[in-house]
Amino acid sequence: MGMLVWIMMGLAIWHFTVWFPDRYWGGIVGALVGAVVGAVAIAIVINFAVHGYAVPGRHHTDLATSLDAIPGALVGIAVVYFEGVRRSLPALDL
């Protein structure tokens, strides 16, 4: 159940990408993948570091479980955005 919460939080944060220029690597779908993968990856790390056990089940999921995914979603979106910006820059001729 915790995994579902993390994925849904990544999806919710992803909706705010419409306010930024579309320079994401892979477009808006790339931003979606970055948000979801980042949210799940960082939330797993936070959950293991704080609680020391596996993904929370149905009876262990609370509001704090959803908050664990926010930093990961933001980092995932930023990585995809800056990779898209980097790939759109012209190559330097040395």
PDB file of N, CA and C in Angstrom:
ATOM      1  N   MET A   1       0.819  -1.191   0.000  1.00  0.00           N
ATOM      2  CA  MET A   1       0.000   0.000   0.000  1.00  0.00           C
ATOM      3  C   MET A   1       0.864   1.256   0.000  1.00  0.00           C
ATOM      4  N   GLY A   2       1.997   1.189   0.685  1.00  0.00           N
ATOM      5  CA  GLY A   2       2.904   2.328   0.691  1.00  0.00           C
ATOM      6  C   GLY A   2       3.422   2.645  -0.694  1.00  0.00           C
ATOM      7  N   MET A   3       3.684   1.616  -1.490  1.00  0.00           N
ATOM      8  CA  MET A   3       4.163   1.830  -2.859  1.00  0.00           C
ATOM      9  C   MET A   3       3.120   2.581  -3.686  1.00  0.00           C
ATOM     10  N   LEU A   4       1.849   2.233  -3.525  1.00  0.00           N
ATOM     11  CA  LEU A   4       0.777   2.929  -4.232  1.00  0.00           C
ATOM     12  C   LEU A   4       0.727   4.399  -3.818  1.00  0.00           C
ATOM     13  N   VAL A   5       0.892   4.658  -2.543  1.00  0.00           N
ATOM     14  CA  VAL A   5       0.878   6.032  -2.048  1.00  0.00           C
ATOM     15  C   VAL A   5       2.044   6.818  -2.642  1.00  0.00           C
ATOM     16  N   TRP A   6       3.219   6.215  -2.714  1.00  0.00           N
ATOM     17  CA  TRP A   6       4.383   6.910  -3.273  1.00  0.00           C
ATOM     18  C   TRP A   6       4.191   7.200  -4.758  1.00  0.00           C
ATOM     19  N   ILE A   7       3.653   6.252  -5.493  1.00  0.00           N
ATOM     20  CA  ILE A   7       3.409   6.458  -6.922  1.00  0.00           C
ATOM     21  C   ILE A   7       2.372   7.561  -7.130  1.00  0.00           C
ATOM     22  N   MET A   8       1.314   7.570  -6.349  1.00  0.00           N
ATOM     23  CA  MET A   8       0.285   8.592  -6.479  1.00  0.00           C
ATOM     24  C   MET A   8       0.817   9.978  -6.104  1.00  0.00           C
ATOM     25  N   MET A   9       1.713  10.053  -5.130  1.00  0.00           N
ATOM     26  CA  MET A   9       2.298  11.340  -4.768  1.00  0.00           C
ATOM     27  C   MET A   9       3.213  11.838  -5.882  1.00  0.00           C
ATOM     28  N   GLY A  10       3.978  10.942  -6.492  1.00  0.00           N
ATOM     29  CA  GLY A  10       4.798  11.325  -7.639  1.00  0.00           C
ATOM     30  C   GLY A  10       3.947  11.824  -8.786  1.00  0.00           C
ATOM     31  N   LEU A  11       2.825  11.169  -9.015  1.00  0.00           N
ATOM     32  CA  LEU A  11       1.895  11.589 -10.066  1.00  0.00           C
ATOM     33  C   LEU A  11       1.291  12.956  -9.741  1.00  0.00           C
ATOM     34  N   ALA A  12       0.974  13.186  -8.484  1.00  0.00           N
ATOM     35  CA  ALA A  12       0.400  14.476  -8.090  1.00  0.00           C
ATOM     36  C   ALA A  12       1.405  15.608  -8.266  1.00  0.00           C
ATOM     37  N   ILE A  13       2.647  15.383  -7.883  1.00  0.00           N
ATOM     38  CA  ILE A  13       3.689  16.404  -8.048  1.00  0.00           C
ATOM     39  C   ILE A  13       3.954  16.644  -9.533  1.00  0.00           C
ATOM     40  N   TRP A  14       3.872  15.597 -10.345  1.00  0.00           N
ATOM     41  CA  TRP A  14       4.116  15.706 -11.784  1.00  0.00           C
ATOM     42  C   TRP A  14       3.155  16.694 -12.450  1.00  0.00           C
ATOM     43  N   HIS A  15       1.959  16.824 -11.933  1.00  0.00           N
ATOM     44  CA  HIS A  15       0.982  17.718 -12.549  1.00  0.00           C
ATOM     45  C   HIS A  15       1.450  19.174 -12.550  1.00  0.00           C
ATOM     46  N   PHE A  16       2.370  19.541 -11.678  1.00  0.00           N
ATOM     47  CA  PHE A  16       2.865  20.914 -11.628  1.00  0.00           C
ATOM     48  C   PHE A  16       3.899  21.206 -12.706  1.00  0.00           C
ATOM     49  N   THR A  17       4.313  20.211 -13.485  1.00  0.00           N
ATOM     50  CA  THR A  17       5.307  20.439 -14.523  1.00  0.00           C
ATOM     51  C   THR A  17       4.751  21.227 -15.704  1.00  0.00           C
ATOM     52  N   VAL A  18       3.455  21.396 -15.778  1.00  0.00           N
ATOM     53  CA  VAL A  18       2.885  22.179 -16.881  1.00  0.00           C
ATOM     54  C   VAL A  18       3.246  23.657 -16.761  1.00  0.00           C
ATOM     55  N   TRP A  19       3.696  24.094 -15.594  1.00  0.00           N
ATOM     56  CA  TRP A  19       4.046  25.488 -15.385  1.00  0.00           C
ATOM     57  C   TRP A  19       5.473  25.811 -15.830  1.00  0.00           C
ATOM     58  N   PHE A  20       6.236  24.818 -16.251  1.00  0.00           N
ATOM     59  CA  PHE A  20       7.616  25.010 -16.674  1.00  0.00           C
ATOM     60  C   PHE A  20       7.734  24.770 -18.177  1.00  0.00           C
ATOM     61  N   PRO A  21       8.750  25.343 -18.815  1.00  0.00           N
ATOM     62  CA  PRO A  21       8.947  25.089 -20.247  1.00  0.00           C
ATOM     63  C   PRO A  21       9.189  23.604 -20.503  1.00  0.00           C
ATOM     64  N   ASP A  22       8.717  23.133 -21.639  1.00  0.00           N
ATOM     65  CA  ASP A  22       8.834  21.703 -21.954  1.00  0.00           C
ATOM     66  C   ASP A  22      10.233  21.400 -22.495  1.00  0.00           C
ATOM     67  N   ARG A  23      11.171  21.323 -21.579  1.00  0.00           N
ATOM     68  CA  ARG A  23      12.542  20.960 -21.927  1.00  0.00           C
ATOM     69  C   ARG A  23      12.928  19.638 -21.281  1.00  0.00           C
ATOM     70  N   TYR A  24      11.958  18.883 -20.870  1.00  0.00           N
ATOM     71  CA  TYR A  24      12.217  17.610 -20.208  1.00  0.00           C
ATOM     72  C   TYR A  24      12.749  16.605 -21.210  1.00  0.00           C
ATOM     73  N   TRP A  25      13.662  15.762 -20.759  1.00  0.00           N
ATOM     74  CA  TRP A  25      14.182  14.693 -21.601  1.00  0.00           C
ATOM     75  C   TRP A  25      13.058  13.684 -21.778  1.00  0.00           C
ATOM     76  N   GLY A  26      12.555  13.538 -22.967  1.00  0.00           N
ATOM     77  CA  GLY A  26      11.425  12.661 -23.236  1.00  0.00           C
ATOM     78  C   GLY A  26      10.096  13.375 -23.169  1.00  0.00           C
ATOM     79  N   GLY A  27      10.127  14.693 -23.043  1.00  0.00           N
ATOM     80  CA  GLY A  27       8.890  15.462 -23.008  1.00  0.00           C
ATOM     81  C   GLY A  27       8.150  15.302 -21.689  1.00  0.00           C
ATOM     82  N   ILE A  28       6.861  15.466 -21.751  1.00  0.00           N
ATOM     83  CA  ILE A  28       6.046  15.403 -20.542  1.00  0.00           C
ATOM     84  C   ILE A  28       5.982  13.985 -19.990  1.00  0.00           C
ATOM     85  N   VAL A  29       6.109  12.994 -20.867  1.00  0.00           N
ATOM     86  CA  VAL A  29       6.138  11.598 -20.407  1.00  0.00           C
ATOM     87  C   VAL A  29       7.441  11.316 -19.665  1.00  0.00           C
ATOM     88  N   GLY A  30       8.532  11.918 -20.120  1.00  0.00           N
ATOM     89  CA  GLY A  30       9.793  11.792 -19.400  1.00  0.00           C
ATOM     90  C   GLY A  30       9.716  12.396 -18.010  1.00  0.00           C
ATOM     91  N   ALA A  31       9.006  13.517 -17.896  1.00  0.00           N
ATOM     92  CA  ALA A  31       8.807  14.131 -16.585  1.00  0.00           C
ATOM     93  C   ALA A  31       7.974  13.228 -15.680  1.00  0.00           C
ATOM     94  N   LEU A  32       6.977  12.561 -16.255  1.00  0.00           N
ATOM     95  CA  LEU A  32       6.157  11.621 -15.482  1.00  0.00           C
ATOM     96  C   LEU A  32       7.011  10.467 -14.954  1.00  0.00           C
ATOM     97  N   VAL A  33       7.823   9.904 -15.832  1.00  0.00           N
ATOM     98  CA  VAL A  33       8.683   8.787 -15.414  1.00  0.00           C
ATOM     99  C   VAL A  33       9.677   9.248 -14.358  1.00  0.00           C
ATOM    100  N   GLY A  34      10.262  10.423 -14.543  1.00  0.00           N
ATOM    101  CA  GLY A  34      11.200  10.950 -13.556  1.00  0.00           C
ATOM    102  C   GLY A  34      10.550  11.171 -12.199  1.00  0.00           C
ATOM    103  N   ALA A  35       9.331  11.698 -12.201  1.00  0.00           N
ATOM    104  CA  ALA A  35       8.628  11.959 -10.943  1.00  0.00           C
ATOM    105  C   ALA A  35       8.291  10.666 -10.214  1.00  0.00           C
ATOM    106  N   VAL A  36       7.774   9.688 -10.929  1.00  0.00           N
ATOM    107  CA  VAL A  36       7.352   8.436 -10.287  1.00  0.00           C
ATOM    108  C   VAL A  36       8.558   7.629  -9.814  1.00  0.00           C
ATOM    109  N   VAL A  37       9.570   7.496 -10.675  1.00  0.00           N
ATOM    110  CA  VAL A  37      10.761   6.722 -10.289  1.00  0.00           C
ATOM    111  C   VAL A  37      11.497   7.408  -9.143  1.00  0.00           C
ATOM    112  N   GLY A  38      11.627   8.737  -9.216  1.00  0.00           N
ATOM    113  CA  GLY A  38      12.284   9.466  -8.131  1.00  0.00           C
ATOM    114  C   GLY A  38      11.525   9.362  -6.822  1.00  0.00           C
ATOM    115  N   ALA A  39      10.204   9.473  -6.894  1.00  0.00           N
ATOM    116  CA  ALA A  39       9.395   9.386  -5.678  1.00  0.00           C
ATOM    117  C   ALA A  39       9.533   8.027  -5.009  1.00  0.00           C
ATOM    118  N   VAL A  40       9.469   6.973  -5.795  1.00  0.00           N
ATOM    119  CA  VAL A  40       9.557   5.621  -5.225  1.00  0.00           C
ATOM    120  C   VAL A  40      10.964   5.354  -4.696  1.00  0.00           C
ATOM    121  N   ALA A  41      11.985   5.729  -5.461  1.00  0.00           N
ATOM    122  CA  ALA A  41      13.359   5.426  -5.052  1.00  0.00           C
ATOM    123  C   ALA A  41      13.742   6.140  -3.757  1.00  0.00           C
ATOM    124  N   ILE A  42      13.486   7.430  -3.680  1.00  0.00           N
ATOM    125  CA  ILE A  42      13.857   8.182  -2.484  1.00  0.00           C
ATOM    126  C   ILE A  42      12.974   7.798  -1.297  1.00  0.00           C
ATOM    127  N   ALA A  43      11.710   7.516  -1.528  1.00  0.00           N
ATOM    128  CA  ALA A  43      10.824   7.104  -0.435  1.00  0.00           C
ATOM    129  C   ALA A  43      11.258   5.768   0.149  1.00  0.00           C
ATOM    130  N   ILE A  44      11.727   4.857  -0.688  1.00  0.00           N
ATOM    131  CA  ILE A  44      12.234   3.577  -0.171  1.00  0.00           C
ATOM    132  C   ILE A  44      13.461   3.816   0.692  1.00  0.00           C
ATOM    133  N   VAL A  45      14.365   4.673   0.227  1.00  0.00           N
ATOM    134  CA  VAL A  45      15.571   4.972   1.011  1.00  0.00           C
ATOM    135  C   VAL A  45      15.211   5.613   2.341  1.00  0.00           C
ATOM    136  N   ILE A  46      14.301   6.594   2.310  1.00  0.00           N
ATOM    137  CA  ILE A  46      13.878   7.247   3.550  1.00  0.00           C
ATOM    138  C   ILE A  46      13.193   6.256   4.479  1.00  0.00           C
ATOM    139  N   ASN A  47      12.334   5.421   3.928  1.00  0.00           N
ATOM    140  CA  ASN A  47      11.608   4.461   4.754  1.00  0.00           C
ATOM    141  C   ASN A  47      12.546   3.450   5.398  1.00  0.00           C
ATOM    142  N   PHE A  48      13.514   2.956   4.644  1.00  0.00           N
ATOM    143  CA  PHE A  48      14.456   1.993   5.206  1.00  0.00           C
ATOM    144  C   PHE A  48      15.363   2.639   6.242  1.00  0.00           C
ATOM    145  N   ALA A  49      15.752   3.905   6.025  1.00  0.00           N
ATOM    146  CA  ALA A  49      16.632   4.585   6.972  1.00  0.00           C
ATOM    147  C   ALA A  49      15.919   4.908   8.279  1.00  0.00           C
ATOM    148  N   VAL A  50      14.656   5.293   8.194  1.00  0.00           N
ATOM    149  CA  VAL A  50      13.921   5.702   9.392  1.00  0.00           C
ATOM    150  C   VAL A  50      13.329   4.507  10.120  1.00  0.00           C
ATOM    151  N   HIS A  51      12.648   3.638   9.385  1.00  0.00           N
ATOM    152  CA  HIS A  51      11.917   2.547  10.020  1.00  0.00           C
ATOM    153  C   HIS A  51      12.657   1.223   9.988  1.00  0.00           C
ATOM    154  N   GLY A  52      13.507   1.033   8.997  1.00  0.00           N
ATOM    155  CA  GLY A  52      14.306  -0.185   8.930  1.00  0.00           C
ATOM    156  C   GLY A  52      13.545  -1.431   8.525  1.00  0.00           C
ATOM    157  N   TYR A  53      12.450  -1.288   7.826  1.00  0.00           N
ATOM    158  CA  TYR A  53      11.718  -2.460   7.358  1.00  0.00           C
ATOM    159  C   TYR A  53      11.229  -2.229   5.940  1.00  0.00           C
ATOM    160  N   ALA A  54      10.524  -3.167   5.407  1.00  0.00           N
ATOM    161  CA  ALA A  54      10.100  -3.137   3.999  1.00  0.00           C
ATOM    162  C   ALA A  54       9.037  -2.071   3.756  1.00  0.00           C
ATOM    163  N   VAL A  55       8.499  -2.069   2.556  1.00  0.00           N
ATOM    164  CA  VAL A  55       7.471  -1.107   2.161  1.00  0.00           C
ATOM    165  C   VAL A  55       6.269  -1.250   3.093  1.00  0.00           C
ATOM    166  N   PRO A  56       5.718  -0.118   3.591  1.00  0.00           N
ATOM    167  CA  PRO A  56       4.602  -0.207   4.533  1.00  0.00           C
ATOM    168  C   PRO A  56       3.384  -0.894   3.923  1.00  0.00           C
ATOM    169  N   GLY A  57       2.761  -1.724   4.706  1.00  0.00           N
ATOM    170  CA  GLY A  57       1.556  -2.411   4.276  1.00  0.00           C
ATOM    171  C   GLY A  57       0.321  -1.564   4.510  1.00  0.00           C
ATOM    172  N   ARG A  58      -0.819  -2.196   4.380  1.00  0.00           N
ATOM    173  CA  ARG A  58      -2.082  -1.486   4.469  1.00  0.00           C
ATOM    174  C   ARG A  58      -2.309  -0.847   5.840  1.00  0.00           C
ATOM    175  N   HIS A  59      -1.926  -1.508   6.881  1.00  0.00           N
ATOM    176  CA  HIS A  59      -2.198  -1.004   8.230  1.00  0.00           C
ATOM    177  C   HIS A  59      -1.090  -0.096   8.755  1.00  0.00           C
ATOM    178  N   HIS A  60       0.003   0.049   8.013  1.00  0.00           N
ATOM    179  CA  HIS A  60       1.111   0.890   8.453  1.00  0.00           C
ATOM    180  C   HIS A  60       1.261   2.139   7.588  1.00  0.00           C
ATOM    181  N   THR A  61       0.326   2.375   6.699  1.00  0.00           N
ATOM    182  CA  THR A  61       0.378   3.534   5.814  1.00  0.00           C
ATOM    183  C   THR A  61      -0.377   4.687   6.462  1.00  0.00           C
ATOM    184  N   ASP A  62       0.302   5.852   6.541  1.00  0.00           N
ATOM    185  CA  ASP A  62      -0.329   7.039   7.097  1.00  0.00           C
ATOM    186  C   ASP A  62       0.097   8.259   6.281  1.00  0.00           C
ATOM    187  N   LEU A  63      -0.210   9.446   6.760  1.00  0.00           N
ATOM    188  CA  LEU A  63       0.108  10.666   6.035  1.00  0.00           C
ATOM    189  C   LEU A  63       1.610  10.838   5.849  1.00  0.00           C
ATOM    190  N   ALA A  64       2.389  10.473   6.835  1.00  0.00           N
ATOM    191  CA  ALA A  64       3.844  10.599   6.735  1.00  0.00           C
ATOM    192  C   ALA A  64       4.405   9.727   5.615  1.00  0.00           C
ATOM    193  N   THR A  65       3.751   8.644   5.301  1.00  0.00           N
ATOM    194  CA  THR A  65       4.187   7.786   4.197  1.00  0.00           C
ATOM    195  C   THR A  65       4.127   8.547   2.877  1.00  0.00           C
ATOM    196  N   SER A  66       3.101   9.350   2.683  1.00  0.00           N
ATOM    197  CA  SER A  66       2.989  10.112   1.440  1.00  0.00           C
ATOM    198  C   SER A  66       4.002  11.247   1.383  1.00  0.00           C
ATOM    199  N   LEU A  67       4.357  11.811   2.509  1.00  0.00           N
ATOM    200  CA  LEU A  67       5.319  12.911   2.529  1.00  0.00           C
ATOM    201  C   LEU A  67       6.731  12.453   2.185  1.00  0.00           C
ATOM    202  N   ASP A  68       7.010  11.172   2.365  1.00  0.00           N
ATOM    203  CA  ASP A  68       8.333  10.645   2.025  1.00  0.00           C
ATOM    204  C   ASP A  68       8.617  10.729   0.533  1.00  0.00           C
ATOM    205  N   ALA A  69       7.603  10.771  -0.294  1.00  0.00           N
ATOM    206  CA  ALA A  69       7.788  10.738  -1.743  1.00  0.00           C
ATOM    207  C   ALA A  69       8.004  12.115  -2.358  1.00  0.00           C
ATOM    208  N   ILE A  70       7.718  13.172  -1.651  1.00  0.00           N
ATOM    209  CA  ILE A  70       7.805  14.512  -2.232  1.00  0.00           C
ATOM    210  C   ILE A  70       9.229  14.886  -2.647  1.00  0.00           C
ATOM    211  N   PRO A  71      10.248  14.718  -1.789  1.00  0.00           N
ATOM    212  CA  PRO A  71      11.594  15.090  -2.235  1.00  0.00           C
ATOM    213  C   PRO A  71      12.062  14.276  -3.438  1.00  0.00           C
ATOM    214  N   GLY A  72      11.726  13.010  -3.474  1.00  0.00           N
ATOM    215  CA  GLY A  72      12.137  12.165  -4.585  1.00  0.00           C
ATOM    216  C   GLY A  72      11.490  12.577  -5.891  1.00  0.00           C
ATOM    217  N   ALA A  73      10.228  12.953  -5.850  1.00  0.00           N
ATOM    218  CA  ALA A  73       9.545  13.396  -7.064  1.00  0.00           C
ATOM    219  C   ALA A  73      10.175  14.681  -7.591  1.00  0.00           C
ATOM    220  N   LEU A  74      10.496  15.595  -6.697  1.00  0.00           N
ATOM    221  CA  LEU A  74      11.126  16.847  -7.118  1.00  0.00           C
ATOM    222  C   LEU A  74      12.517  16.605  -7.691  1.00  0.00           C
ATOM    223  N   VAL A  75      13.281  15.728  -7.066  1.00  0.00           N
ATOM    224  CA  VAL A  75      14.618  15.407  -7.573  1.00  0.00           C
ATOM    225  C   VAL A  75      14.520  14.707  -8.928  1.00  0.00           C
ATOM    226  N   GLY A  76      13.597  13.777  -9.065  1.00  0.00           N
ATOM    227  CA  GLY A  76      13.424  13.070 -10.329  1.00  0.00           C
ATOM    228  C   GLY A  76      13.037  13.997 -11.464  1.00  0.00           C
ATOM    229  N   ILE A  77      12.138  14.932 -11.200  1.00  0.00           N
ATOM    230  CA  ILE A  77      11.742  15.902 -12.218  1.00  0.00           C
ATOM    231  C   ILE A  77      12.914  16.808 -12.576  1.00  0.00           C
ATOM    232  N   ALA A  78      13.672  17.249 -11.572  1.00  0.00           N
ATOM    233  CA  ALA A  78      14.822  18.122 -11.835  1.00  0.00           C
ATOM    234  C   ALA A  78      15.883  17.415 -12.671  1.00  0.00           C
ATOM    235  N   VAL A  79      16.141  16.143 -12.378  1.00  0.00           N
ATOM    236  CA  VAL A  79      17.139  15.388 -13.146  1.00  0.00           C
ATOM    237  C   VAL A  79      16.708  15.278 -14.610  1.00  0.00           C
ATOM    238  N   VAL A  80      15.455  14.956 -14.841  1.00  0.00           N
ATOM    239  CA  VAL A  80      14.959  14.821 -16.217  1.00  0.00           C
ATOM    240  C   VAL A  80      14.964  16.175 -16.921  1.00  0.00           C
ATOM    241  N   TYR A  81      14.644  17.236 -16.203  1.00  0.00           N
ATOM    242  CA  TYR A  81      14.637  18.572 -16.808  1.00  0.00           C
ATOM    243  C   TYR A  81      16.046  18.996 -17.218  1.00  0.00           C
ATOM    244  N   PHE A  82      17.006  18.873 -16.302  1.00  0.00           N
ATOM    245  CA  PHE A  82      18.357  19.322 -16.614  1.00  0.00           C
ATOM    246  C   PHE A  82      19.033  18.427 -17.649  1.00  0.00           C
ATOM    247  N   GLU A  83      18.674  17.174 -17.707  1.00  0.00           N
ATOM    248  CA  GLU A  83      19.187  16.311 -18.774  1.00  0.00           C
ATOM    249  C   GLU A  83      18.618  16.737 -20.122  1.00  0.00           C
ATOM    250  N   GLY A  84      17.365  17.121 -20.154  1.00  0.00           N
ATOM    251  CA  GLY A  84      16.777  17.622 -21.386  1.00  0.00           C
ATOM    252  C   GLY A  84      17.396  18.930 -21.827  1.00  0.00           C
ATOM    253  N   VAL A  85      17.691  19.810 -20.875  1.00  0.00           N
ATOM    254  CA  VAL A  85      18.357  21.065 -21.205  1.00  0.00           C
ATOM    255  C   VAL A  85      19.759  20.789 -21.720  1.00  0.00           C
ATOM    256  N   ARG A  86      20.467  19.867 -21.081  1.00  0.00           N
ATOM    257  CA  ARG A  86      21.827  19.537 -21.495  1.00  0.00           C
ATOM    258  C   ARG A  86      21.852  18.960 -22.903  1.00  0.00           C
ATOM    259  N   ARG A  87      20.902  18.124 -23.229  1.00  0.00           N
ATOM    260  CA  ARG A  87      20.869  17.501 -24.552  1.00  0.00           C
ATOM    261  C   ARG A  87      20.439  18.477 -25.639  1.00  0.00           C
ATOM    262  N   SER A  88      19.778  19.564 -25.293  1.00  0.00           N
ATOM    263  CA  SER A  88      19.343  20.529 -26.306  1.00  0.00           C
ATOM    264  C   SER A  88      20.396  21.603 -26.569  1.00  0.00           C
ATOM    265  N   LEU A  89      21.439  21.661 -25.750  1.00  0.00           N
ATOM    266  CA  LEU A  89      22.504  22.640 -25.977  1.00  0.00           C
ATOM    267  C   LEU A  89      23.340  22.237 -27.175  1.00  0.00           C
ATOM    268  N   PRO A  90      23.804  23.203 -27.961  1.00  0.00           N
ATOM    269  CA  PRO A  90      24.652  22.854 -29.098  1.00  0.00           C
ATOM    270  C   PRO A  90      26.013  22.348 -28.628  1.00  0.00           C
ATOM    271  N   ALA A  91      26.588  21.458 -29.409  1.00  0.00           N
ATOM    272  CA  ALA A  91      27.891  20.886 -29.075  1.00  0.00           C
ATOM    273  C   ALA A  91      28.978  21.937 -29.303  1.00  0.00           C
ATOM    274  N   LEU A  92      29.997  21.901 -28.464  1.00  0.00           N
ATOM    275  CA  LEU A  92      31.122  22.818 -28.612  1.00  0.00           C
ATOM    276  C   LEU A  92      32.130  22.253 -29.603  1.00  0.00           C
ATOM    277  N   ASP A  93      32.533  23.077 -30.547  1.00  0.00           N
ATOM    278  CA  ASP A  93      33.554  22.665 -31.505  1.00  0.00           C
ATOM    279  C   ASP A  93      34.912  23.153 -31.011  1.00  0.00           C
ATOM    280  N   LEU A  94      35.710  22.237 -30.541  1.00  0.00           N
ATOM    281  CA  LEU A  94      37.028  22.615 -30.025  1.00  0.00           C
ATOM    282  C   LEU A  94      38.097  22.366 -31.037  1.00  0.00           C
TER     283      LEU A  94
END
